[in-house]
Amino acid sequence: MNLSAPTLPVFLVSVIVAVVALLAHYAGVSIPWVSKHAFDALAIGYVVLLAGNIFKGI
């Protein structure tokens, strides 16, 4: 399996999702879905980044 660097938009989306999840969990920021599912949101950010690494051109 050949890994490739994710594109900038994919990387930014994954970072934004991860930061929002961390803010909801640790800083107590109230975000409707994320506040109740912070771990799920963090996992989604990781999966987006993983997909950007595995699939070329994403």
N, C-alpha and C. Protein backbone atom coordinates (compact mmCIF):
# COMPACT_ATOMS: atom_id res chain seq x y z
N MET A 1 0.86 -1.17 0.00
CA MET A 1 0.00 0.00 0.00
C MET A 1 0.90 1.23 0.00
N ASN A 2 0.67 2.11 -0.95
CA ASN A 2 1.42 3.36 -1.02
C ASN A 2 0.60 4.48 -0.41
N LEU A 3 1.19 5.16 0.55
CA LEU A 3 0.51 6.29 1.18
C LEU A 3 0.89 7.56 0.47
N SER A 4 -0.02 8.51 0.45
CA SER A 4 0.25 9.81 -0.14
C SER A 4 -0.18 10.89 0.83
N ALA A 5 0.39 12.05 0.66
CA ALA A 5 0.01 13.17 1.52
C ALA A 5 -1.40 13.62 1.19
N PRO A 6 -2.20 13.94 2.19
CA PRO A 6 -3.55 14.43 1.92
C PRO A 6 -3.49 15.83 1.30
N THR A 7 -4.52 16.17 0.58
CA THR A 7 -4.58 17.52 0.03
C THR A 7 -4.84 18.51 1.15
N LEU A 8 -4.57 19.75 0.89
CA LEU A 8 -4.74 20.78 1.92
C LEU A 8 -6.18 20.88 2.42
N PRO A 9 -7.20 20.84 1.54
CA PRO A 9 -8.58 20.91 2.06
C PRO A 9 -8.93 19.73 2.98
N VAL A 10 -8.48 18.53 2.65
CA VAL A 10 -8.77 17.37 3.49
C VAL A 10 -8.09 17.53 4.83
N PHE A 11 -6.85 17.97 4.83
CA PHE A 11 -6.12 18.18 6.07
C PHE A 11 -6.81 19.23 6.93
N LEU A 12 -7.23 20.34 6.32
CA LEU A 12 -7.88 21.40 7.08
C LEU A 12 -9.22 20.95 7.65
N VAL A 13 -9.98 20.19 6.89
CA VAL A 13 -11.27 19.68 7.40
C VAL A 13 -11.04 18.78 8.60
N SER A 14 -10.06 17.90 8.52
CA SER A 14 -9.80 16.99 9.64
C SER A 14 -9.32 17.76 10.87
N VAL A 15 -8.51 18.77 10.68
CA VAL A 15 -8.02 19.57 11.81
C VAL A 15 -9.17 20.36 12.44
N ILE A 16 -10.02 20.95 11.62
CA ILE A 16 -11.15 21.73 12.13
C ILE A 16 -12.10 20.83 12.92
N VAL A 17 -12.41 19.65 12.40
CA VAL A 17 -13.29 18.73 13.11
C VAL A 17 -12.67 18.31 14.45
N ALA A 18 -11.37 18.03 14.43
CA ALA A 18 -10.69 17.64 15.67
C ALA A 18 -10.66 18.77 16.69
N VAL A 19 -10.39 19.98 16.25
CA VAL A 19 -10.34 21.12 17.17
C VAL A 19 -11.72 21.40 17.76
N VAL A 20 -12.75 21.31 16.95
CA VAL A 20 -14.11 21.52 17.45
C VAL A 20 -14.46 20.46 18.49
N ALA A 21 -14.09 19.21 18.23
CA ALA A 21 -14.37 18.14 19.19
C ALA A 21 -13.61 18.37 20.49
N LEU A 22 -12.36 18.79 20.40
CA LEU A 22 -11.58 19.05 21.61
C LEU A 22 -12.13 20.24 22.39
N LEU A 23 -12.56 21.28 21.69
CA LEU A 23 -13.17 22.43 22.37
C LEU A 23 -14.45 22.03 23.08
N ALA A 24 -15.25 21.21 22.42
CA ALA A 24 -16.51 20.78 23.03
C ALA A 24 -16.26 19.92 24.26
N HIS A 25 -15.22 19.12 24.24
CA HIS A 25 -14.97 18.22 25.36
C HIS A 25 -14.24 18.91 26.51
N TYR A 26 -13.16 19.62 26.22
CA TYR A 26 -12.32 20.16 27.28
C TYR A 26 -12.67 21.59 27.69
N ALA A 27 -13.11 22.42 26.75
CA ALA A 27 -13.38 23.82 27.08
C ALA A 27 -14.84 24.04 27.44
N GLY A 28 -15.67 23.04 27.25
CA GLY A 28 -17.07 23.17 27.61
C GLY A 28 -17.90 24.00 26.64
N VAL A 29 -17.39 24.19 25.42
CA VAL A 29 -18.14 24.92 24.41
C VAL A 29 -19.33 24.07 24.00
N SER A 30 -20.49 24.68 23.96
CA SER A 30 -21.72 23.95 23.64
C SER A 30 -21.98 23.98 22.13
N ILE A 31 -21.76 22.84 21.50
CA ILE A 31 -22.04 22.67 20.07
C ILE A 31 -23.03 21.52 19.99
N PRO A 32 -24.20 21.73 19.36
CA PRO A 32 -25.30 20.78 19.48
C PRO A 32 -24.94 19.29 19.37
N TRP A 33 -24.41 18.81 18.27
CA TRP A 33 -24.15 17.39 18.14
C TRP A 33 -22.80 17.01 18.75
N VAL A 34 -21.84 17.87 18.57
CA VAL A 34 -20.47 17.55 18.97
C VAL A 34 -20.33 17.46 20.48
N SER A 35 -21.05 18.27 21.22
CA SER A 35 -20.94 18.25 22.67
C SER A 35 -21.32 16.89 23.25
N LYS A 36 -22.29 16.23 22.65
CA LYS A 36 -22.71 14.92 23.14
C LYS A 36 -21.88 13.77 22.58
N HIS A 37 -21.23 14.01 21.43
CA HIS A 37 -20.50 12.95 20.73
C HIS A 37 -19.08 13.43 20.39
N ALA A 38 -18.35 13.92 21.37
CA ALA A 38 -17.01 14.47 21.13
C ALA A 38 -16.05 13.40 20.62
N PHE A 39 -16.10 12.22 21.20
CA PHE A 39 -15.20 11.16 20.73
C PHE A 39 -15.52 10.76 19.31
N ASP A 40 -16.81 10.67 18.97
CA ASP A 40 -17.21 10.32 17.61
C ASP A 40 -16.74 11.38 16.62
N ALA A 41 -16.86 12.65 16.99
CA ALA A 41 -16.41 13.72 16.11
C ALA A 41 -14.90 13.67 15.92
N LEU A 42 -14.17 13.38 16.97
CA LEU A 42 -12.72 13.25 16.87
C LEU A 42 -12.35 12.06 15.98
N ALA A 43 -13.07 10.97 16.10
CA ALA A 43 -12.83 9.81 15.25
C ALA A 43 -13.14 10.11 13.80
N ILE A 44 -14.17 10.90 13.54
CA ILE A 44 -14.50 11.30 12.16
C ILE A 44 -13.37 12.12 11.56
N GLY A 45 -12.82 13.04 12.34
CA GLY A 45 -11.69 13.83 11.87
C GLY A 45 -10.50 12.95 11.53
N TYR A 46 -10.25 11.93 12.34
CA TYR A 46 -9.15 11.01 12.07
C TYR A 46 -9.42 10.20 10.81
N VAL A 47 -10.64 9.73 10.63
CA VAL A 47 -10.98 8.94 9.44
C VAL A 47 -10.85 9.78 8.18
N VAL A 48 -11.22 11.04 8.24
CA VAL A 48 -11.05 11.93 7.08
C VAL A 48 -9.57 12.05 6.74
N LEU A 49 -8.73 12.25 7.75
CA LEU A 49 -7.30 12.34 7.52
C LEU A 49 -6.73 11.02 7.00
N LEU A 50 -7.19 9.91 7.54
CA LEU A 50 -6.76 8.60 7.08
C LEU A 50 -7.14 8.37 5.62
N ALA A 51 -8.34 8.73 5.25
CA ALA A 51 -8.78 8.58 3.86
C ALA A 51 -7.92 9.44 2.92
N GLY A 52 -7.56 10.63 3.39
CA GLY A 52 -6.69 11.49 2.59
C GLY A 52 -5.32 10.90 2.39
N ASN A 53 -4.85 10.10 3.35
CA ASN A 53 -3.55 9.45 3.22
C ASN A 53 -3.59 8.20 2.37
N ILE A 54 -4.66 7.45 2.46
CA ILE A 54 -4.74 6.16 1.76
C ILE A 54 -5.10 6.36 0.29
N PHE A 55 -6.07 7.20 0.00
CA PHE A 55 -6.53 7.37 -1.38
C PHE A 55 -5.83 8.56 -2.01
N LYS A 56 -5.20 8.31 -3.13
CA LYS A 56 -4.46 9.37 -3.82
C LYS A 56 -5.42 10.34 -4.49
N GLY A 57 -5.17 11.62 -4.34
CA GLY A 57 -5.99 12.63 -4.99
C GLY A 57 -7.17 13.12 -4.18
N ILE A 58 -7.34 12.61 -2.98
CA ILE A 58 -8.46 13.07 -2.13
C ILE A 58 -7.96 14.18 -1.25
